[in-house]
Amino acid sequence: MGVPVLTVLGDSHISRVTASQLSVLGLNELVAGNSSEYIAKAIAYASEPDGMSGLRRDLRQRMQASRLMDATKFTKELETLLLQSWVQYESI
């Protein structure tokens, strides 16, 4: 939390999770569609240290303010889904 991440949206679980988290944080520009785009983005971001510095400075606060860190809401939604699943299972 606090280090910008660049990812390629691929077929692996980790690339999908990383892309999802970046999307929630409003950082879709850090998600590349393929390896060529990833390289181009990496070079562009490496060429703009001031931009990366600003992103690093704000990233922790952005993450803490996001729904990714709302454990209470997540737990309530998970409980609701588990209960709905159980009710549906019981009706079979």
N, C-alpha and C. Protein backbone atom coordinates (compact mmCIF):
# COMPACT_ATOMS: atom_id res chain seq x y z
N MET A 1 0.86 -1.16 0.00
CA MET A 1 0.00 0.00 0.00
C MET A 1 0.91 1.23 0.00
N GLY A 2 0.93 1.91 -1.09
CA GLY A 2 1.78 3.08 -1.21
C GLY A 2 2.77 2.97 -2.36
N VAL A 3 2.85 1.80 -2.97
CA VAL A 3 3.74 1.61 -4.11
C VAL A 3 2.89 1.39 -5.35
N PRO A 4 3.00 2.26 -6.34
CA PRO A 4 2.21 2.08 -7.56
C PRO A 4 2.56 0.77 -8.25
N VAL A 5 1.57 0.11 -8.80
CA VAL A 5 1.75 -1.17 -9.48
C VAL A 5 1.21 -1.05 -10.90
N LEU A 6 1.95 -1.57 -11.81
CA LEU A 6 1.53 -1.65 -13.21
C LEU A 6 1.27 -3.12 -13.50
N THR A 7 0.17 -3.44 -14.15
CA THR A 7 -0.15 -4.84 -14.42
C THR A 7 -0.66 -5.03 -15.83
N VAL A 8 -0.56 -6.27 -16.29
CA VAL A 8 -1.15 -6.67 -17.56
C VAL A 8 -2.40 -7.46 -17.24
N LEU A 9 -3.50 -7.07 -17.83
CA LEU A 9 -4.75 -7.79 -17.63
C LEU A 9 -4.67 -9.09 -18.41
N GLY A 10 -4.43 -10.16 -17.68
CA GLY A 10 -4.26 -11.46 -18.32
C GLY A 10 -5.28 -12.46 -17.84
N ASP A 11 -4.94 -13.72 -17.99
CA ASP A 11 -5.84 -14.80 -17.61
C ASP A 11 -5.61 -15.30 -16.18
N SER A 12 -4.51 -14.90 -15.57
CA SER A 12 -4.20 -15.40 -14.23
C SER A 12 -5.02 -14.67 -13.17
N HIS A 13 -5.19 -15.36 -12.07
CA HIS A 13 -5.95 -14.80 -10.95
C HIS A 13 -5.31 -13.50 -10.47
N ILE A 14 -4.00 -13.51 -10.28
CA ILE A 14 -3.32 -12.33 -9.72
C ILE A 14 -3.44 -11.13 -10.65
N SER A 15 -3.36 -11.33 -11.95
CA SER A 15 -3.48 -10.18 -12.85
C SER A 15 -4.90 -9.62 -12.82
N ARG A 16 -5.88 -10.48 -12.65
CA ARG A 16 -7.27 -10.02 -12.57
C ARG A 16 -7.53 -9.29 -11.27
N VAL A 17 -6.99 -9.82 -10.17
CA VAL A 17 -7.18 -9.17 -8.86
C VAL A 17 -6.51 -7.79 -8.87
N THR A 18 -5.30 -7.73 -9.37
CA THR A 18 -4.58 -6.45 -9.40
C THR A 18 -5.33 -5.44 -10.26
N ALA A 19 -5.80 -5.87 -11.43
CA ALA A 19 -6.56 -4.96 -12.31
C ALA A 19 -7.85 -4.51 -11.62
N SER A 20 -8.50 -5.40 -10.91
CA SER A 20 -9.73 -5.06 -10.19
C SER A 20 -9.46 -4.03 -9.11
N GLN A 21 -8.40 -4.23 -8.35
CA GLN A 21 -8.06 -3.28 -7.29
C GLN A 21 -7.69 -1.92 -7.87
N LEU A 22 -6.93 -1.91 -8.93
CA LEU A 22 -6.58 -0.63 -9.56
C LEU A 22 -7.82 0.07 -10.09
N SER A 23 -8.75 -0.68 -10.61
CA SER A 23 -10.00 -0.09 -11.10
C SER A 23 -10.79 0.56 -9.97
N VAL A 24 -10.90 -0.13 -8.85
CA VAL A 24 -11.61 0.42 -7.68
C VAL A 24 -10.95 1.71 -7.22
N LEU A 25 -9.64 1.78 -7.34
CA LEU A 25 -8.90 2.98 -6.92
C LEU A 25 -8.92 4.08 -7.98
N GLY A 26 -9.56 3.81 -9.12
CA GLY A 26 -9.62 4.81 -10.18
C GLY A 26 -8.31 4.94 -10.93
N LEU A 27 -7.54 3.84 -10.97
CA LEU A 27 -6.22 3.87 -11.62
C LEU A 27 -6.17 2.92 -12.81
N ASN A 28 -7.19 2.97 -13.64
CA ASN A 28 -7.24 2.10 -14.81
C ASN A 28 -6.07 2.33 -15.76
N GLU A 29 -5.47 3.50 -15.70
CA GLU A 29 -4.34 3.78 -16.58
C GLU A 29 -3.12 2.92 -16.24
N LEU A 30 -3.12 2.27 -15.08
CA LEU A 30 -2.02 1.40 -14.70
C LEU A 30 -2.25 -0.05 -15.12
N VAL A 31 -3.32 -0.29 -15.86
CA VAL A 31 -3.63 -1.64 -16.36
C VAL A 31 -3.35 -1.67 -17.86
N ALA A 32 -2.44 -2.54 -18.25
CA ALA A 32 -2.11 -2.68 -19.67
C ALA A 32 -2.87 -3.87 -20.25
N GLY A 33 -3.21 -3.78 -21.51
CA GLY A 33 -3.95 -4.84 -22.16
C GLY A 33 -3.08 -5.97 -22.68
N ASN A 34 -1.79 -5.68 -22.88
CA ASN A 34 -0.87 -6.71 -23.38
C ASN A 34 0.56 -6.32 -23.01
N SER A 35 1.51 -7.19 -23.31
CA SER A 35 2.90 -6.94 -22.89
C SER A 35 3.51 -5.72 -23.58
N SER A 36 3.16 -5.46 -24.83
CA SER A 36 3.70 -4.28 -25.53
C SER A 36 3.22 -3.00 -24.86
N GLU A 37 1.94 -2.98 -24.52
CA GLU A 37 1.37 -1.81 -23.83
C GLU A 37 2.00 -1.65 -22.45
N TYR A 38 2.24 -2.78 -21.77
CA TYR A 38 2.87 -2.75 -20.45
C TYR A 38 4.25 -2.09 -20.53
N ILE A 39 5.04 -2.50 -21.51
CA ILE A 39 6.39 -1.94 -21.68
C ILE A 39 6.32 -0.45 -21.97
N ALA A 40 5.40 -0.05 -22.84
CA ALA A 40 5.25 1.37 -23.18
C ALA A 40 4.85 2.17 -21.95
N LYS A 41 3.91 1.63 -21.16
CA LYS A 41 3.47 2.33 -19.94
C LYS A 41 4.62 2.40 -18.93
N ALA A 42 5.36 1.33 -18.78
CA ALA A 42 6.48 1.30 -17.82
C ALA A 42 7.52 2.36 -18.19
N ILE A 43 7.83 2.46 -19.45
CA ILE A 43 8.80 3.46 -19.91
C ILE A 43 8.25 4.87 -19.68
N ALA A 44 6.99 5.07 -20.00
CA ALA A 44 6.39 6.40 -19.82
C ALA A 44 6.38 6.80 -18.34
N TYR A 45 5.98 5.89 -17.46
CA TYR A 45 5.94 6.22 -16.04
C TYR A 45 7.34 6.41 -15.47
N ALA A 46 8.30 5.62 -15.93
CA ALA A 46 9.69 5.76 -15.48
C ALA A 46 10.27 7.11 -15.92
N SER A 47 9.74 7.64 -17.01
CA SER A 47 10.22 8.92 -17.53
C SER A 47 9.59 10.11 -16.81
N GLU A 48 8.60 9.86 -15.95
CA GLU A 48 7.91 10.93 -15.23
C GLU A 48 8.00 10.70 -13.72
N PRO A 49 9.19 10.86 -13.14
CA PRO A 49 9.33 10.58 -11.70
C PRO A 49 8.46 11.49 -10.83
N ASP A 50 8.20 12.70 -11.27
CA ASP A 50 7.35 13.60 -10.47
C ASP A 50 5.92 13.08 -10.40
N GLY A 51 5.43 12.55 -11.51
CA GLY A 51 4.09 11.98 -11.53
C GLY A 51 3.98 10.77 -10.63
N MET A 52 4.99 9.93 -10.66
CA MET A 52 5.00 8.74 -9.80
C MET A 52 5.12 9.15 -8.33
N SER A 53 5.87 10.19 -8.08
CA SER A 53 6.03 10.68 -6.71
C SER A 53 4.69 11.14 -6.15
N GLY A 54 3.93 11.86 -6.96
CA GLY A 54 2.60 12.31 -6.54
C GLY A 54 1.66 11.15 -6.30
N LEU A 55 1.73 10.16 -7.18
CA LEU A 55 0.88 8.98 -7.03
C LEU A 55 1.25 8.23 -5.75
N ARG A 56 2.53 8.05 -5.51
CA ARG A 56 2.99 7.37 -4.28
C ARG A 56 2.51 8.12 -3.04
N ARG A 57 2.57 9.42 -3.09
CA ARG A 57 2.18 10.24 -1.95
C ARG A 57 0.69 10.08 -1.63
N ASP A 58 -0.14 9.95 -2.66
CA ASP A 58 -1.59 9.89 -2.48
C ASP A 58 -2.16 8.48 -2.42
N LEU A 59 -1.37 7.48 -2.79
CA LEU A 59 -1.89 6.13 -2.94
C LEU A 59 -2.39 5.52 -1.64
N ARG A 60 -1.66 5.69 -0.57
CA ARG A 60 -2.07 5.12 0.72
C ARG A 60 -3.42 5.69 1.16
N GLN A 61 -3.57 7.00 1.07
CA GLN A 61 -4.84 7.64 1.44
C GLN A 61 -5.97 7.19 0.52
N ARG A 62 -5.68 7.08 -0.76
CA ARG A 62 -6.68 6.64 -1.73
C ARG A 62 -7.14 5.22 -1.39
N MET A 63 -6.18 4.36 -1.05
CA MET A 63 -6.51 2.98 -0.70
C MET A 63 -7.34 2.92 0.58
N GLN A 64 -6.93 3.67 1.59
CA GLN A 64 -7.65 3.65 2.86
C GLN A 64 -9.07 4.18 2.73
N ALA A 65 -9.30 5.09 1.80
CA ALA A 65 -10.63 5.66 1.60
C ALA A 65 -11.51 4.81 0.69
N SER A 66 -10.94 3.78 0.08
CA SER A 66 -11.68 2.98 -0.89
C SER A 66 -12.54 1.91 -0.22
N ARG A 67 -13.42 1.34 -1.01
CA ARG A 67 -14.27 0.26 -0.50
C ARG A 67 -13.46 -1.01 -0.26
N LEU A 68 -12.25 -1.07 -0.79
CA LEU A 68 -11.40 -2.23 -0.54
C LEU A 68 -11.05 -2.38 0.95
N MET A 69 -11.09 -1.27 1.66
CA MET A 69 -10.71 -1.28 3.08
C MET A 69 -11.91 -1.26 4.01
N ASP A 70 -13.11 -1.35 3.47
CA ASP A 70 -14.33 -1.33 4.29
C ASP A 70 -14.70 -2.76 4.68
N ALA A 71 -14.01 -3.28 5.69
CA ALA A 71 -14.21 -4.67 6.12
C ALA A 71 -15.62 -4.91 6.64
N THR A 72 -16.20 -3.94 7.31
CA THR A 72 -17.55 -4.11 7.86
C THR A 72 -18.57 -4.31 6.75
N LYS A 73 -18.53 -3.46 5.75
CA LYS A 73 -19.46 -3.58 4.63
C LYS A 73 -19.23 -4.89 3.88
N PHE A 74 -17.97 -5.23 3.64
CA PHE A 74 -17.66 -6.47 2.95
C PHE A 74 -18.22 -7.67 3.70
N THR A 75 -18.03 -7.69 5.02
CA THR A 75 -18.51 -8.81 5.83
C THR A 75 -20.02 -8.91 5.79
N LYS A 76 -20.71 -7.79 5.88
CA LYS A 76 -22.17 -7.81 5.80
C LYS A 76 -22.65 -8.34 4.45
N GLU A 77 -22.02 -7.89 3.38
CA GLU A 77 -22.40 -8.35 2.04
C GLU A 77 -22.11 -9.85 1.89
N LEU A 78 -20.99 -10.30 2.42
CA LEU A 78 -20.65 -11.72 2.36
C LEU A 78 -21.65 -12.55 3.16
N GLU A 79 -22.01 -12.08 4.34
CA GLU A 79 -23.01 -12.78 5.14
C GLU A 79 -24.34 -12.91 4.40
N THR A 80 -24.74 -11.84 3.75
CA THR A 80 -25.99 -11.85 2.98
C THR A 80 -25.91 -12.88 1.86
N LEU A 81 -24.81 -12.90 1.13
CA LEU A 81 -24.65 -13.86 0.04
C LEU A 81 -24.62 -15.29 0.55
N LEU A 82 -23.95 -15.54 1.66
CA LEU A 82 -23.91 -16.88 2.23
C LEU A 82 -25.30 -17.33 2.66
N LEU A 83 -26.03 -16.43 3.28
CA LEU A 83 -27.40 -16.75 3.70
C LEU A 83 -28.28 -17.04 2.50
N GLN A 84 -28.18 -16.23 1.45
CA GLN A 84 -28.96 -16.46 0.24
C GLN A 84 -28.60 -17.81 -0.39
N SER A 85 -27.33 -18.15 -0.37
CA SER A 85 -26.89 -19.44 -0.91
C SER A 85 -27.48 -20.58 -0.11
N TRP A 86 -27.47 -20.43 1.21
CA TRP A 86 -28.01 -21.49 2.07
C TRP A 86 -29.53 -21.66 1.84
N VAL A 87 -30.24 -20.57 1.74
CA VAL A 87 -31.67 -20.62 1.50
C VAL A 87 -31.96 -21.29 0.16
N GLN A 88 -31.19 -20.92 -0.84
CA GLN A 88 -31.36 -21.52 -2.16
C GLN A 88 -31.04 -23.02 -2.11
N TYR A 89 -29.99 -23.40 -1.42
CA TYR A 89 -29.62 -24.81 -1.28
C TYR A 89 -30.72 -25.59 -0.57
N GLU A 90 -31.28 -25.02 0.47
CA GLU A 90 -32.32 -25.68 1.24
C GLU A 90 -33.60 -25.90 0.42
N SER A 91 -33.83 -25.05 -0.57
CA SER A 91 -35.04 -25.16 -1.37
C SER A 91 -34.93 -26.19 -2.48
N ILE A 92 -33.74 -26.76 -2.66
CA ILE A 92 -33.53 -27.77 -3.71
C ILE A 92 -34.09 -29.10 -3.29
